[in-house]
C-alpha atoms as a PDB file:
ATOM      1  CA  ASP A   1      10.853 -10.109  -4.232  1.00  0.00           C
ATOM      2  CA  PHE A   2       7.222  -9.863  -5.262  1.00  0.00           C
ATOM      3  CA  ILE A   3       6.227  -6.664  -7.056  1.00  0.00           C
ATOM      4  CA  VAL A   4       2.750  -5.413  -7.900  1.00  0.00           C
ATOM      5  CA  SER A   5       2.106  -2.175  -9.786  1.00  0.00           C
ATOM      6  CA  LEU A   6      -1.311  -0.577  -9.864  1.00  0.00           C
ATOM      7  CA  CYS A   7      -2.758   2.241 -11.936  1.00  0.00           C
ATOM      8  CA  LEU A   8      -5.417   4.069  -9.958  1.00  0.00           C
ATOM      9  CA  ASP A   9      -7.933   6.307 -11.672  1.00  0.00           C
ATOM     10  CA  LEU A  10      -8.252   9.465  -9.630  1.00  0.00           C
ATOM     11  CA  PRO A  11     -11.674  10.867  -8.762  1.00  0.00           C
ATOM     12  CA  SER A  12     -12.392  14.540  -9.354  1.00  0.00           C
ATOM     13  CA  ASP A  13     -12.981  15.141  -5.621  1.00  0.00           C
ATOM     14  CA  ILE A  14     -10.205  13.855  -3.360  1.00  0.00           C
ATOM     15  CA  ASN A  15     -11.431  15.421  -0.110  1.00  0.00           C
ATOM     16  CA  CYS A  16     -12.690  12.285   1.601  1.00  0.00           C
ATOM     17  CA  TYR A  17     -11.886   9.648  -0.926  1.00  0.00           C
ATOM     18  CA  VAL A  18     -10.322   6.268  -0.226  1.00  0.00           C
ATOM     19  CA  LEU A  19      -9.219   3.859  -2.939  1.00  0.00           C
ATOM     20  CA  ASN A  20      -9.162   0.171  -2.088  1.00  0.00           C
ATOM     21  CA  CYS A  21      -6.980  -1.642  -4.574  1.00  0.00           C
ATOM     22  CA  SER A  22      -7.835  -5.114  -5.784  1.00  0.00           C
ATOM     23  CA  ALA A  23      -6.438  -7.954  -3.716  1.00  0.00           C
ATOM     24  CA  PHE A  24      -3.332  -9.809  -4.882  1.00  0.00           C
ATOM     25  CA  TYR A  25      -1.204 -12.742  -3.750  1.00  0.00           C
ATOM     26  CA  THR A  26       2.561 -12.568  -3.203  1.00  0.00           C
ATOM     27  CA  SER A  27       2.946 -15.864  -5.087  1.00  0.00           C
ATOM     28  CA  LYS A  28       0.817 -18.752  -6.322  1.00  0.00           C
ATOM     29  CA  TYR A  29       0.370 -20.018  -2.741  1.00  0.00           C
ATOM     30  CA  GLY A  30       1.338 -16.801  -0.971  1.00  0.00           C
ATOM     31  CA  TYR A  31      -0.070 -14.133   1.289  1.00  0.00           C
ATOM     32  CA  LYS A  32      -3.213 -12.311   0.172  1.00  0.00           C
ATOM     33  CA  MET A  33      -3.082  -8.550   0.562  1.00  0.00           C
ATOM     34  CA  CYS A  34      -4.290  -5.245  -0.803  1.00  0.00           C
ATOM     35  CA  LEU A  35      -3.402  -1.568  -0.666  1.00  0.00           C
ATOM     36  CA  ARG A  36      -5.554   1.286   0.592  1.00  0.00           C
ATOM     37  CA  VAL A  37      -4.912   4.855  -0.551  1.00  0.00           C
ATOM     38  CA  TYR A  38      -6.385   7.934   1.132  1.00  0.00           C
ATOM     39  CA  LEU A  39      -5.874  10.673  -1.428  1.00  0.00           C
ATOM     40  CA  ASN A  40      -6.492  13.473   1.089  1.00  0.00           C
ATOM     41  CA  GLY A  41      -4.856  11.647   3.974  1.00  0.00           C
ATOM     42  CA  ASP A  42      -6.037   9.653   6.961  1.00  0.00           C
ATOM     43  CA  GLY A  43      -5.405  10.121  10.670  1.00  0.00           C
ATOM     44  CA  VAL A  44      -2.420  12.422  11.299  1.00  0.00           C
ATOM     45  CA  GLY A  45      -2.046  12.899   7.527  1.00  0.00           C
ATOM     46  CA  ARG A  46      -5.609  14.091   6.890  1.00  0.00           C
ATOM     47  CA  GLY A  47      -5.610  17.241   4.772  1.00  0.00           C
ATOM     48  CA  THR A  48      -1.815  17.415   4.443  1.00  0.00           C
ATOM     49  CA  HIS A  49      -0.625  14.096   2.992  1.00  0.00           C
ATOM     50  CA  MET A  50      -1.636  11.215   0.814  1.00  0.00           C
ATOM     51  CA  SER A  51      -1.781   8.150   3.091  1.00  0.00           C
ATOM     52  CA  LEU A  52      -0.886   4.666   1.857  1.00  0.00           C
ATOM     53  CA  PHE A  53      -1.641   1.472   3.759  1.00  0.00           C
ATOM     54  CA  PHE A  54      -0.994  -2.211   3.358  1.00  0.00           C
ATOM     55  CA  VAL A  55      -3.621  -4.782   4.418  1.00  0.00           C
ATOM     56  CA  ILE A  56      -3.136  -8.512   5.060  1.00  0.00           C
ATOM     57  CA  MET A  57      -6.270 -10.398   3.990  1.00  0.00           C
ATOM     58  CA  ARG A  58      -7.576 -13.875   4.708  1.00  0.00           C
ATOM     59  CA  GLY A  59      -6.384 -16.048   1.838  1.00  0.00           C
ATOM     60  CA  ASN A  60      -6.836 -19.532   0.478  1.00  0.00           C
ATOM     61  CA  TYR A  61      -3.350 -20.660   1.523  1.00  0.00           C
ATOM     62  CA  ASP A  62      -3.025 -19.190   5.027  1.00  0.00           C
ATOM     63  CA  SER A  63      -2.601 -22.633   6.600  1.00  0.00           C
ATOM     64  CA  LEU A  64       0.553 -23.127   4.491  1.00  0.00           C
ATOM     65  CA  LEU A  65       2.182 -19.814   5.432  1.00  0.00           C
ATOM     66  CA  LYS A  66       4.429 -18.611   8.263  1.00  0.00           C
ATOM     67  CA  TRP A  67       2.691 -16.345  10.798  1.00  0.00           C
ATOM     68  CA  PRO A  68       3.015 -13.649  11.867  1.00  0.00           C
ATOM     69  CA  PHE A  69       3.784 -11.991   8.545  1.00  0.00           C
ATOM     70  CA  LYS A  70       7.285 -10.505   8.911  1.00  0.00           C
ATOM     71  CA  GLN A  71       8.422  -9.608   5.407  1.00  0.00           C
ATOM     72  CA  LYS A  72       9.768  -6.157   4.566  1.00  0.00           C
ATOM     73  CA  VAL A  73       7.279  -4.105   2.531  1.00  0.00           C
ATOM     74  CA  THR A  74       8.272  -1.207   0.276  1.00  0.00           C
ATOM     75  CA  LEU A  75       5.568   1.163  -0.971  1.00  0.00           C
ATOM     76  CA  MET A  76       6.198   3.514  -3.893  1.00  0.00           C
ATOM     77  CA  LEU A  77       4.338   6.297  -5.661  1.00  0.00           C
ATOM     78  CA  MET A  78       5.831   6.264  -9.129  1.00  0.00           C
ATOM     79  CA  ASP A  79       7.123   9.460 -10.711  1.00  0.00           C
ATOM     80  CA  GLN A  80       5.977   9.113 -14.313  1.00  0.00           C
ATOM     81  CA  THR A  81       8.730  11.333 -15.755  1.00  0.00           C
ATOM     82  CA  ASN A  82      11.890  11.880 -13.681  1.00  0.00           C
ATOM     83  CA  ARG A  83      12.127   8.738 -11.562  1.00  0.00           C
ATOM     84  CA  GLU A  84      11.866  10.789  -8.364  1.00  0.00           C
ATOM     85  CA  HIS A  85       9.628   8.160  -6.782  1.00  0.00           C
ATOM     86  CA  VAL A  86       8.175   8.608  -3.303  1.00  0.00           C
ATOM     87  CA  ILE A  87       9.320   5.551  -1.335  1.00  0.00           C
ATOM     88  CA  ASP A  88       8.695   4.266   2.168  1.00  0.00           C
ATOM     89  CA  ALA A  89       9.605   0.855   3.542  1.00  0.00           C
ATOM     90  CA  PHE A  90       8.854  -0.896   6.796  1.00  0.00           C
ATOM     91  CA  ARG A  91       9.259  -4.181   8.591  1.00  0.00           C
ATOM     92  CA  PRO A  92       6.096  -5.390  10.295  1.00  0.00           C
ATOM     93  CA  ASP A  93       5.716  -5.214  14.056  1.00  0.00           C
ATOM     94  CA  ILE A  94       5.108  -8.925  14.581  1.00  0.00           C
ATOM     95  CA  SER A  95       3.296  -8.234  17.872  1.00  0.00           C
ATOM     96  CA  SER A  96       0.657  -6.181  16.012  1.00  0.00           C
ATOM     97  CA  SER A  97      -2.643  -7.835  15.128  1.00  0.00           C
ATOM     98  CA  SER A  98      -2.217  -6.337  11.639  1.00  0.00           C
ATOM     99  CA  PHE A  99       0.344  -9.031  10.817  1.00  0.00           C
ATOM    100  CA  GLN A 100      -1.154 -12.090  12.510  1.00  0.00           C
ATOM    101  CA  ARG A 101      -3.035 -14.750  10.578  1.00  0.00           C
ATOM    102  CA  PRO A 102      -6.357 -13.095   9.655  1.00  0.00           C
ATOM    103  CA  VAL A 103      -9.464 -14.321  11.467  1.00  0.00           C
ATOM    104  CA  SER A 104     -11.800 -12.007   9.541  1.00  0.00           C
ATOM    105  CA  GLU A 105     -11.799 -10.978   5.883  1.00  0.00           C
ATOM    106  CA  MET A 106      -8.987  -8.456   6.416  1.00  0.00           C
ATOM    107  CA  ASN A 107      -6.687  -7.302   9.178  1.00  0.00           C
ATOM    108  CA  ILE A 108      -6.319  -3.721  10.335  1.00  0.00           C
ATOM    109  CA  ALA A 109      -4.394  -1.680   7.777  1.00  0.00           C
ATOM    110  CA  SER A 110      -0.815  -0.692   8.543  1.00  0.00           C
ATOM    111  CA  GLY A 111       1.402   1.740   6.717  1.00  0.00           C
ATOM    112  CA  CYS A 112       2.187   5.368   6.112  1.00  0.00           C
ATOM    113  CA  PRO A 113      -0.318   8.077   7.107  1.00  0.00           C
ATOM    114  CA  LEU A 114       2.285  10.704   6.090  1.00  0.00           C
ATOM    115  CA  PHE A 115       3.305   8.971   2.855  1.00  0.00           C
ATOM    116  CA  CYS A 116       3.475  11.973   0.497  1.00  0.00           C
ATOM    117  CA  PRO A 117       2.777  15.670   1.145  1.00  0.00           C
ATOM    118  CA  LEU A 118      -0.154  16.895  -0.937  1.00  0.00           C
ATOM    119  CA  ASN A 119       1.825  19.954  -2.063  1.00  0.00           C
ATOM    120  CA  LYS A 120       4.397  17.621  -3.619  1.00  0.00           C
ATOM    121  CA  LEU A 121       1.619  15.987  -5.626  1.00  0.00           C
ATOM    122  CA  ASP A 122       0.241  19.381  -6.665  1.00  0.00           C
ATOM    123  CA  SER A 123       3.576  20.981  -7.547  1.00  0.00           C
ATOM    124  CA  LYS A 124       4.265  18.820 -10.610  1.00  0.00           C
ATOM    125  CA  ASN A 125       2.310  16.525 -12.853  1.00  0.00           C
ATOM    126  CA  ASN A 126       4.989  13.865 -12.507  1.00  0.00           C
ATOM    127  CA  TYR A 127       2.900  11.656 -10.214  1.00  0.00           C
ATOM    128  CA  SER A 128      -0.509  12.074 -11.812  1.00  0.00           C
ATOM    129  CA  ARG A 129      -0.973  11.800 -15.560  1.00  0.00           C
ATOM    130  CA  GLU A 130      -4.379  11.721 -17.212  1.00  0.00           C
ATOM    131  CA  ASP A 131      -5.968  11.293 -13.761  1.00  0.00           C
ATOM    132  CA  CYS A 132      -3.953   8.149 -13.065  1.00  0.00           C
ATOM    133  CA  ILE A 133      -1.308   7.442 -10.435  1.00  0.00           C
ATOM    134  CA  PHE A 134       0.914   4.368 -10.255  1.00  0.00           C
ATOM    135  CA  ILE A 135       1.561   2.693  -6.924  1.00  0.00           C
ATOM    136  CA  LYS A 136       4.033  -0.133  -6.513  1.00  0.00           C
ATOM    137  CA  ALA A 137       4.300  -2.535  -3.586  1.00  0.00           C
ATOM    138  CA  ILE A 138       7.385  -4.702  -3.178  1.00  0.00           C
ATOM    139  CA  VAL A 139       7.244  -7.575  -0.695  1.00  0.00           C
ATOM    140  CA  ASP A 140      10.613  -9.093   0.222  1.00  0.00           C
ATOM    141  CA  LEU A 141      10.153 -12.860   0.028  1.00  0.00           C
ATOM    142  CA  THR A 142      13.564 -13.704   1.521  1.00  0.00           C
ATOM    143  CA  ASP A 143      13.450 -16.564   4.051  1.00  0.00           C
ATOM    144  CA  LEU A 144      10.050 -17.851   2.960  1.00  0.00           C
END
């Protein structure tokens, strides 16, 4: 498995804010990807949920990789005290353009518009400490 953990500094106004995380590779010659976080939700989650998306990006080693991308992805919002993490996992729909070899800088994002209810984030300070949240992405590298 490949694991990336990110600390995101939260803005004071989350109403229409999107955080684009820095790009990362799943391995030295792996897939290039990034995460996109909508703090006040996107699409069906707007105003009710934090939305979390995964984006396949055009990378330096795409010609070496298997396409479409079909690895299981697990997304986590880390609970910074009680280990009650918010977790969602999915297997890519290999017919979706989101998981084909990128022809532009980045593919269309795919993920969880209803990732975490906003009231769950507000009810405790377990997920946000000193205006920072931790997001973890785990990419299953089995069969690569």
